[in-house]
Amino acid sequence: MKGYLNVKELESYKKADIQTLARNLGVSDAGTIKEIAARCAAVEIETGEGAPQTGQETTEEYKAVEITSGAEKAQEEAGKAAGGVKVEVVARYLDQQFNQIKDVGEIFTVDWVRAEVLLAEKVVKIKE
């Protein structure tokens, strides 16, 4: 499916985060947060299950654009090294610690402190 990001949500990002997103989307990261957000929101993106389609507003289940990153492997290794816990994503979200999107159904390992944060945000569940 294809879709667009919600410009109001993008405007709530920190400038460094919106600039990273802009670069990942292939648009200019120069200007104010509002200008960058508008450029990012104009880019048609691939969306996953539960993500908004063209013309729809974002929902709680969909919070950001898909970003591919090598940080996922690093996150997995850090979780394992810290005696981590496996979690399963229940709501798509932007993992700001690793600057990547986690999709519903994705399973990965994090340390217990990170797991508690993600559980409190209701974006993951413990995978047994």
N, C-alpha and C. Protein backbone atom coordinates (compact mmCIF):
# COMPACT_ATOMS: atom_id res chain seq x y z
N MET A 1 0.83 -1.18 0.00
CA MET A 1 0.00 0.00 0.00
C MET A 1 0.87 1.24 0.00
N LYS A 2 0.33 2.30 -0.49
CA LYS A 2 1.02 3.59 -0.49
C LYS A 2 0.26 4.53 0.43
N GLY A 3 0.95 5.51 0.98
CA GLY A 3 0.32 6.48 1.86
C GLY A 3 1.21 7.67 2.09
N TYR A 4 0.75 8.55 2.97
CA TYR A 4 1.47 9.77 3.31
C TYR A 4 1.53 9.92 4.82
N LEU A 5 2.55 10.61 5.29
CA LEU A 5 2.69 10.89 6.71
C LEU A 5 1.81 12.06 7.11
N ASN A 6 1.46 12.11 8.38
CA ASN A 6 0.65 13.19 8.93
C ASN A 6 1.57 14.37 9.25
N VAL A 7 1.35 15.50 8.58
CA VAL A 7 2.22 16.66 8.75
C VAL A 7 2.18 17.20 10.18
N LYS A 8 1.03 17.16 10.84
CA LYS A 8 0.93 17.66 12.21
C LYS A 8 1.79 16.81 13.15
N GLU A 9 1.78 15.50 12.95
CA GLU A 9 2.61 14.63 13.76
C GLU A 9 4.09 14.91 13.51
N LEU A 10 4.45 15.08 12.24
CA LEU A 10 5.84 15.37 11.90
C LEU A 10 6.32 16.67 12.53
N GLU A 11 5.44 17.65 12.61
CA GLU A 11 5.81 18.94 13.20
C GLU A 11 6.12 18.83 14.69
N SER A 12 5.70 17.73 15.32
CA SER A 12 5.98 17.54 16.74
C SER A 12 7.36 16.91 16.99
N TYR A 13 8.03 16.48 15.92
CA TYR A 13 9.36 15.86 16.04
C TYR A 13 10.40 16.90 16.44
N LYS A 14 11.47 16.43 17.05
CA LYS A 14 12.63 17.29 17.30
C LYS A 14 13.27 17.57 15.94
N LYS A 15 13.94 18.71 15.83
CA LYS A 15 14.52 19.09 14.54
C LYS A 15 15.50 18.04 14.02
N ALA A 16 16.35 17.53 14.88
CA ALA A 16 17.33 16.53 14.43
C ALA A 16 16.62 15.28 13.89
N ASP A 17 15.53 14.88 14.55
CA ASP A 17 14.78 13.69 14.11
C ASP A 17 14.10 13.93 12.76
N ILE A 18 13.50 15.09 12.58
CA ILE A 18 12.80 15.37 11.32
C ILE A 18 13.82 15.53 10.19
N GLN A 19 15.01 16.06 10.51
CA GLN A 19 16.05 16.17 9.49
C GLN A 19 16.53 14.79 9.05
N THR A 20 16.70 13.88 10.00
CA THR A 20 17.10 12.51 9.66
C THR A 20 16.04 11.85 8.80
N LEU A 21 14.79 12.02 9.17
CA LEU A 21 13.69 11.46 8.39
C LEU A 21 13.70 12.03 6.97
N ALA A 22 13.90 13.34 6.85
CA ALA A 22 13.93 13.98 5.53
C ALA A 22 15.04 13.39 4.66
N ARG A 23 16.20 13.23 5.23
CA ARG A 23 17.32 12.65 4.47
C ARG A 23 16.98 11.22 4.03
N ASN A 24 16.36 10.44 4.92
CA ASN A 24 15.98 9.07 4.59
C ASN A 24 14.91 9.02 3.51
N LEU A 25 14.09 10.05 3.43
CA LEU A 25 13.05 10.12 2.40
C LEU A 25 13.56 10.74 1.10
N GLY A 26 14.78 11.28 1.15
CA GLY A 26 15.36 11.86 -0.06
C GLY A 26 14.92 13.28 -0.34
N VAL A 27 14.50 14.00 0.70
CA VAL A 27 14.14 15.41 0.52
C VAL A 27 15.08 16.28 1.34
N SER A 28 15.07 17.56 1.06
CA SER A 28 15.96 18.50 1.74
C SER A 28 15.66 18.54 3.24
N ASP A 29 16.72 18.61 4.05
CA ASP A 29 16.55 18.72 5.49
C ASP A 29 16.82 20.15 5.97
N ALA A 30 16.83 21.09 5.05
CA ALA A 30 17.08 22.49 5.39
C ALA A 30 15.76 23.20 5.71
N GLY A 31 15.84 24.21 6.58
CA GLY A 31 14.68 25.03 6.88
C GLY A 31 14.13 24.76 8.27
N THR A 32 12.92 25.29 8.49
CA THR A 32 12.26 25.12 9.79
C THR A 32 11.64 23.73 9.88
N ILE A 33 11.25 23.37 11.08
CA ILE A 33 10.59 22.08 11.28
C ILE A 33 9.34 21.99 10.41
N LYS A 34 8.56 23.08 10.35
CA LYS A 34 7.33 23.08 9.54
C LYS A 34 7.64 22.87 8.06
N GLU A 35 8.68 23.50 7.58
CA GLU A 35 9.05 23.34 6.16
C GLU A 35 9.50 21.91 5.87
N ILE A 36 10.32 21.37 6.75
CA ILE A 36 10.82 20.01 6.56
C ILE A 36 9.66 19.02 6.66
N ALA A 37 8.77 19.22 7.65
CA ALA A 37 7.61 18.34 7.82
C ALA A 37 6.74 18.34 6.58
N ALA A 38 6.53 19.51 5.99
CA ALA A 38 5.71 19.61 4.78
C ALA A 38 6.32 18.82 3.64
N ARG A 39 7.65 18.91 3.49
CA ARG A 39 8.31 18.14 2.42
C ARG A 39 8.20 16.64 2.68
N CYS A 40 8.38 16.24 3.92
CA CYS A 40 8.28 14.81 4.26
C CYS A 40 6.85 14.29 4.04
N ALA A 41 5.87 15.09 4.41
CA ALA A 41 4.47 14.67 4.27
C ALA A 41 4.04 14.59 2.81
N ALA A 42 4.76 15.25 1.92
CA ALA A 42 4.41 15.24 0.50
C ALA A 42 4.95 13.99 -0.21
N VAL A 43 5.83 13.25 0.46
CA VAL A 43 6.43 12.06 -0.15
C VAL A 43 5.50 10.87 0.03
N GLU A 44 5.16 10.21 -1.09
CA GLU A 44 4.36 9.00 -1.01
C GLU A 44 5.26 7.86 -0.55
N ILE A 45 4.80 7.11 0.44
CA ILE A 45 5.61 6.04 1.02
C ILE A 45 4.87 4.71 0.96
N GLU A 46 5.64 3.64 1.09
CA GLU A 46 5.06 2.31 1.26
C GLU A 46 4.59 2.21 2.70
N THR A 47 3.40 1.74 2.90
CA THR A 47 2.87 1.59 4.25
C THR A 47 2.60 0.14 4.54
N GLY A 48 2.65 -0.22 5.81
CA GLY A 48 2.37 -1.58 6.23
C GLY A 48 0.91 -1.75 6.60
N GLU A 49 0.57 -2.96 7.06
CA GLU A 49 -0.79 -3.24 7.48
C GLU A 49 -1.16 -2.33 8.64
N GLY A 50 -2.33 -1.72 8.57
CA GLY A 50 -2.78 -0.82 9.62
C GLY A 50 -2.32 0.61 9.42
N ALA A 51 -1.48 0.87 8.43
CA ALA A 51 -1.02 2.22 8.17
C ALA A 51 -2.05 2.95 7.33
N PRO A 52 -2.08 4.26 7.38
CA PRO A 52 -3.08 5.01 6.62
C PRO A 52 -2.83 4.91 5.13
N GLN A 53 -3.89 4.97 4.38
CA GLN A 53 -3.77 5.01 2.94
C GLN A 53 -3.84 6.47 2.53
N THR A 54 -3.58 6.73 1.26
CA THR A 54 -3.58 8.08 0.76
C THR A 54 -4.84 8.82 1.19
N GLY A 55 -4.65 10.01 1.75
CA GLY A 55 -5.77 10.85 2.15
C GLY A 55 -6.28 10.59 3.55
N GLN A 56 -5.81 9.55 4.23
CA GLN A 56 -6.28 9.26 5.57
C GLN A 56 -5.33 9.86 6.59
N GLU A 57 -5.87 10.17 7.77
CA GLU A 57 -5.05 10.65 8.86
C GLU A 57 -4.34 9.47 9.50
N THR A 58 -3.26 9.73 10.22
CA THR A 58 -2.58 8.63 10.90
C THR A 58 -3.42 8.19 12.08
N THR A 59 -3.21 6.96 12.52
CA THR A 59 -3.91 6.41 13.67
C THR A 59 -2.90 6.11 14.75
N GLU A 60 -3.37 5.70 15.93
CA GLU A 60 -2.46 5.34 17.00
C GLU A 60 -1.58 4.17 16.60
N GLU A 61 -2.09 3.27 15.75
CA GLU A 61 -1.30 2.11 15.37
C GLU A 61 -0.18 2.46 14.40
N TYR A 62 -0.30 3.59 13.72
CA TYR A 62 0.70 3.97 12.73
C TYR A 62 1.29 5.29 13.15
N LYS A 63 2.58 5.32 13.39
CA LYS A 63 3.17 6.53 13.93
C LYS A 63 4.28 7.13 13.09
N ALA A 64 4.79 6.46 12.07
CA ALA A 64 5.88 7.04 11.30
C ALA A 64 6.12 6.28 10.01
N VAL A 65 7.03 6.82 9.22
CA VAL A 65 7.39 6.22 7.94
C VAL A 65 8.40 5.10 8.14
N GLU A 66 8.43 4.17 7.21
CA GLU A 66 9.40 3.09 7.29
C GLU A 66 10.79 3.62 6.95
N ILE A 67 11.74 3.31 7.80
CA ILE A 67 13.13 3.72 7.59
C ILE A 67 13.98 2.46 7.70
N THR A 68 14.78 2.21 6.70
CA THR A 68 15.66 1.05 6.80
C THR A 68 16.96 1.51 7.42
N SER A 69 17.48 0.72 8.33
CA SER A 69 18.68 1.14 9.06
C SER A 69 19.47 -0.08 9.52
N GLY A 70 20.77 0.05 9.59
CA GLY A 70 21.62 -1.00 10.12
C GLY A 70 21.57 -1.06 11.63
N ALA A 71 20.89 -0.11 12.26
CA ALA A 71 20.81 -0.06 13.71
C ALA A 71 20.01 -1.22 14.28
N GLU A 72 19.15 -1.83 13.48
CA GLU A 72 18.34 -2.94 13.97
C GLU A 72 19.22 -4.08 14.47
N LYS A 73 20.24 -4.41 13.72
CA LYS A 73 21.16 -5.49 14.12
C LYS A 73 21.88 -5.10 15.41
N ALA A 74 22.30 -3.86 15.52
CA ALA A 74 22.98 -3.39 16.73
C ALA A 74 22.05 -3.45 17.93
N GLN A 75 20.78 -3.11 17.72
CA GLN A 75 19.81 -3.16 18.81
C GLN A 75 19.62 -4.59 19.29
N GLU A 76 19.50 -5.51 18.37
CA GLU A 76 19.34 -6.93 18.70
C GLU A 76 20.53 -7.43 19.51
N GLU A 77 21.73 -7.10 19.07
CA GLU A 77 22.94 -7.55 19.76
C GLU A 77 23.05 -6.93 21.15
N ALA A 78 22.70 -5.65 21.27
CA ALA A 78 22.76 -4.97 22.57
C ALA A 78 21.78 -5.61 23.55
N GLY A 79 20.59 -5.96 23.06
CA GLY A 79 19.60 -6.60 23.90
C GLY A 79 20.06 -7.95 24.39
N LYS A 80 20.66 -8.74 23.50
CA LYS A 80 21.14 -10.06 23.87
C LYS A 80 22.28 -9.96 24.88
N ALA A 81 23.20 -9.02 24.65
CA ALA A 81 24.36 -8.86 25.52
C ALA A 81 23.94 -8.43 26.93
N ALA A 82 22.84 -7.73 27.05
CA ALA A 82 22.39 -7.23 28.34
C ALA A 82 21.45 -8.22 29.03
N GLY A 83 21.43 -9.47 28.58
CA GLY A 83 20.53 -10.45 29.17
C GLY A 83 19.09 -10.05 28.89
N GLY A 84 18.83 -9.70 27.65
CA GLY A 84 17.58 -9.09 27.26
C GLY A 84 16.38 -9.99 27.22
N VAL A 85 15.31 -9.38 26.75
CA VAL A 85 14.02 -10.03 26.66
C VAL A 85 13.49 -9.84 25.24
N LYS A 86 12.86 -10.89 24.72
CA LYS A 86 12.26 -10.77 23.39
C LYS A 86 10.92 -10.07 23.52
N VAL A 87 10.69 -9.12 22.61
CA VAL A 87 9.42 -8.40 22.57
C VAL A 87 8.86 -8.48 21.16
N GLU A 88 7.53 -8.37 21.07
CA GLU A 88 6.85 -8.36 19.78
C GLU A 88 6.10 -7.05 19.66
N VAL A 89 6.25 -6.39 18.53
CA VAL A 89 5.61 -5.10 18.29
C VAL A 89 4.11 -5.30 18.09
N VAL A 90 3.30 -4.52 18.83
CA VAL A 90 1.84 -4.59 18.70
C VAL A 90 1.27 -3.31 18.09
N ALA A 91 2.08 -2.26 18.00
CA ALA A 91 1.66 -1.00 17.37
C ALA A 91 2.89 -0.40 16.68
N ARG A 92 2.78 -0.09 15.41
CA ARG A 92 3.90 0.46 14.66
C ARG A 92 4.37 1.76 15.32
N TYR A 93 5.68 1.89 15.47
CA TYR A 93 6.21 3.08 16.12
C TYR A 93 7.61 3.40 15.63
N LEU A 94 8.03 4.64 15.85
CA LEU A 94 9.38 5.07 15.54
C LEU A 94 10.21 4.89 16.80
N ASP A 95 11.18 3.99 16.76
CA ASP A 95 12.07 3.76 17.88
C ASP A 95 13.13 4.86 17.83
N GLN A 96 12.96 5.87 18.67
CA GLN A 96 13.83 7.04 18.62
C GLN A 96 15.23 6.73 19.10
N GLN A 97 15.38 5.71 19.93
CA GLN A 97 16.71 5.33 20.40
C GLN A 97 17.59 4.85 19.24
N PHE A 98 16.98 4.14 18.30
CA PHE A 98 17.73 3.61 17.17
C PHE A 98 17.32 4.24 15.85
N ASN A 99 16.43 5.22 15.89
CA ASN A 99 15.97 5.95 14.72
C ASN A 99 15.51 5.00 13.60
N GLN A 100 14.59 4.12 13.95
CA GLN A 100 14.05 3.20 12.97
C GLN A 100 12.60 2.86 13.32
N ILE A 101 11.87 2.42 12.31
CA ILE A 101 10.49 2.03 12.49
C ILE A 101 10.41 0.57 12.88
N LYS A 102 9.55 0.28 13.82
CA LYS A 102 9.26 -1.09 14.20
C LYS A 102 7.83 -1.37 13.76
N ASP A 103 7.67 -2.42 12.95
CA ASP A 103 6.36 -2.78 12.42
C ASP A 103 5.67 -3.83 13.29
N VAL A 104 4.34 -3.84 13.25
CA VAL A 104 3.54 -4.80 13.98
C VAL A 104 3.99 -6.22 13.60
N GLY A 105 4.18 -7.05 14.61
CA GLY A 105 4.59 -8.43 14.39
C GLY A 105 6.09 -8.64 14.45
N GLU A 106 6.85 -7.57 14.38
CA GLU A 106 8.31 -7.69 14.42
C GLU A 106 8.74 -8.13 15.82
N ILE A 107 9.67 -9.06 15.88
CA ILE A 107 10.18 -9.57 17.15
C ILE A 107 11.66 -9.23 17.24
N PHE A 108 12.07 -8.69 18.38
CA PHE A 108 13.47 -8.34 18.58
C PHE A 108 13.79 -8.40 20.07
N THR A 109 15.06 -8.32 20.40
CA THR A 109 15.52 -8.43 21.78
C THR A 109 16.03 -7.08 22.27
N VAL A 110 15.60 -6.71 23.47
CA VAL A 110 16.04 -5.47 24.12
C VAL A 110 16.40 -5.78 25.56
N ASP A 111 17.08 -4.85 26.22
CA ASP A 111 17.35 -5.06 27.64
C ASP A 111 16.06 -4.79 28.43
N TRP A 112 16.05 -5.18 29.69
CA TRP A 112 14.83 -5.08 30.49
C TRP A 112 14.37 -3.64 30.69
N VAL A 113 15.28 -2.73 30.83
CA VAL A 113 14.91 -1.32 31.02
C VAL A 113 14.17 -0.81 29.78
N ARG A 114 14.72 -1.09 28.60
CA ARG A 114 14.08 -0.67 27.35
C ARG A 114 12.72 -1.36 27.18
N ALA A 115 12.65 -2.64 27.54
CA ALA A 115 11.39 -3.38 27.44
C ALA A 115 10.31 -2.72 28.29
N GLU A 116 10.68 -2.29 29.49
CA GLU A 116 9.71 -1.64 30.38
C GLU A 116 9.19 -0.34 29.77
N VAL A 117 10.08 0.42 29.15
CA VAL A 117 9.67 1.67 28.50
C VAL A 117 8.69 1.38 27.36
N LEU A 118 9.03 0.41 26.52
CA LEU A 118 8.18 0.07 25.38
C LEU A 118 6.85 -0.51 25.83
N LEU A 119 6.85 -1.29 26.90
CA LEU A 119 5.60 -1.82 27.44
C LEU A 119 4.71 -0.70 27.97
N ALA A 120 5.33 0.27 28.65
CA ALA A 120 4.57 1.40 29.18
C ALA A 120 3.94 2.22 28.05
N GLU A 121 4.62 2.28 26.93
CA GLU A 121 4.09 3.01 25.77
C GLU A 121 3.06 2.19 24.99
N LYS A 122 2.90 0.93 25.37
CA LYS A 122 1.94 0.01 24.76
C LYS A 122 2.21 -0.23 23.28
N VAL A 123 3.50 -0.34 22.93
CA VAL A 123 3.87 -0.61 21.54
C VAL A 123 4.44 -2.02 21.37
N VAL A 124 4.72 -2.72 22.48
CA VAL A 124 5.22 -4.09 22.40
C VAL A 124 4.57 -4.94 23.48
N LYS A 125 4.72 -6.26 23.31
CA LYS A 125 4.37 -7.21 24.36
C LYS A 125 5.55 -8.17 24.50
N ILE A 126 5.66 -8.77 25.66
CA ILE A 126 6.73 -9.74 25.90
C ILE A 126 6.44 -10.99 25.08
N LYS A 127 7.46 -11.45 24.38
CA LYS A 127 7.34 -12.66 23.55
C LYS A 127 7.94 -13.80 24.34
N GLU A 128 7.16 -14.85 24.53
CA GLU A 128 7.64 -16.00 25.30
C GLU A 128 8.21 -17.07 24.44
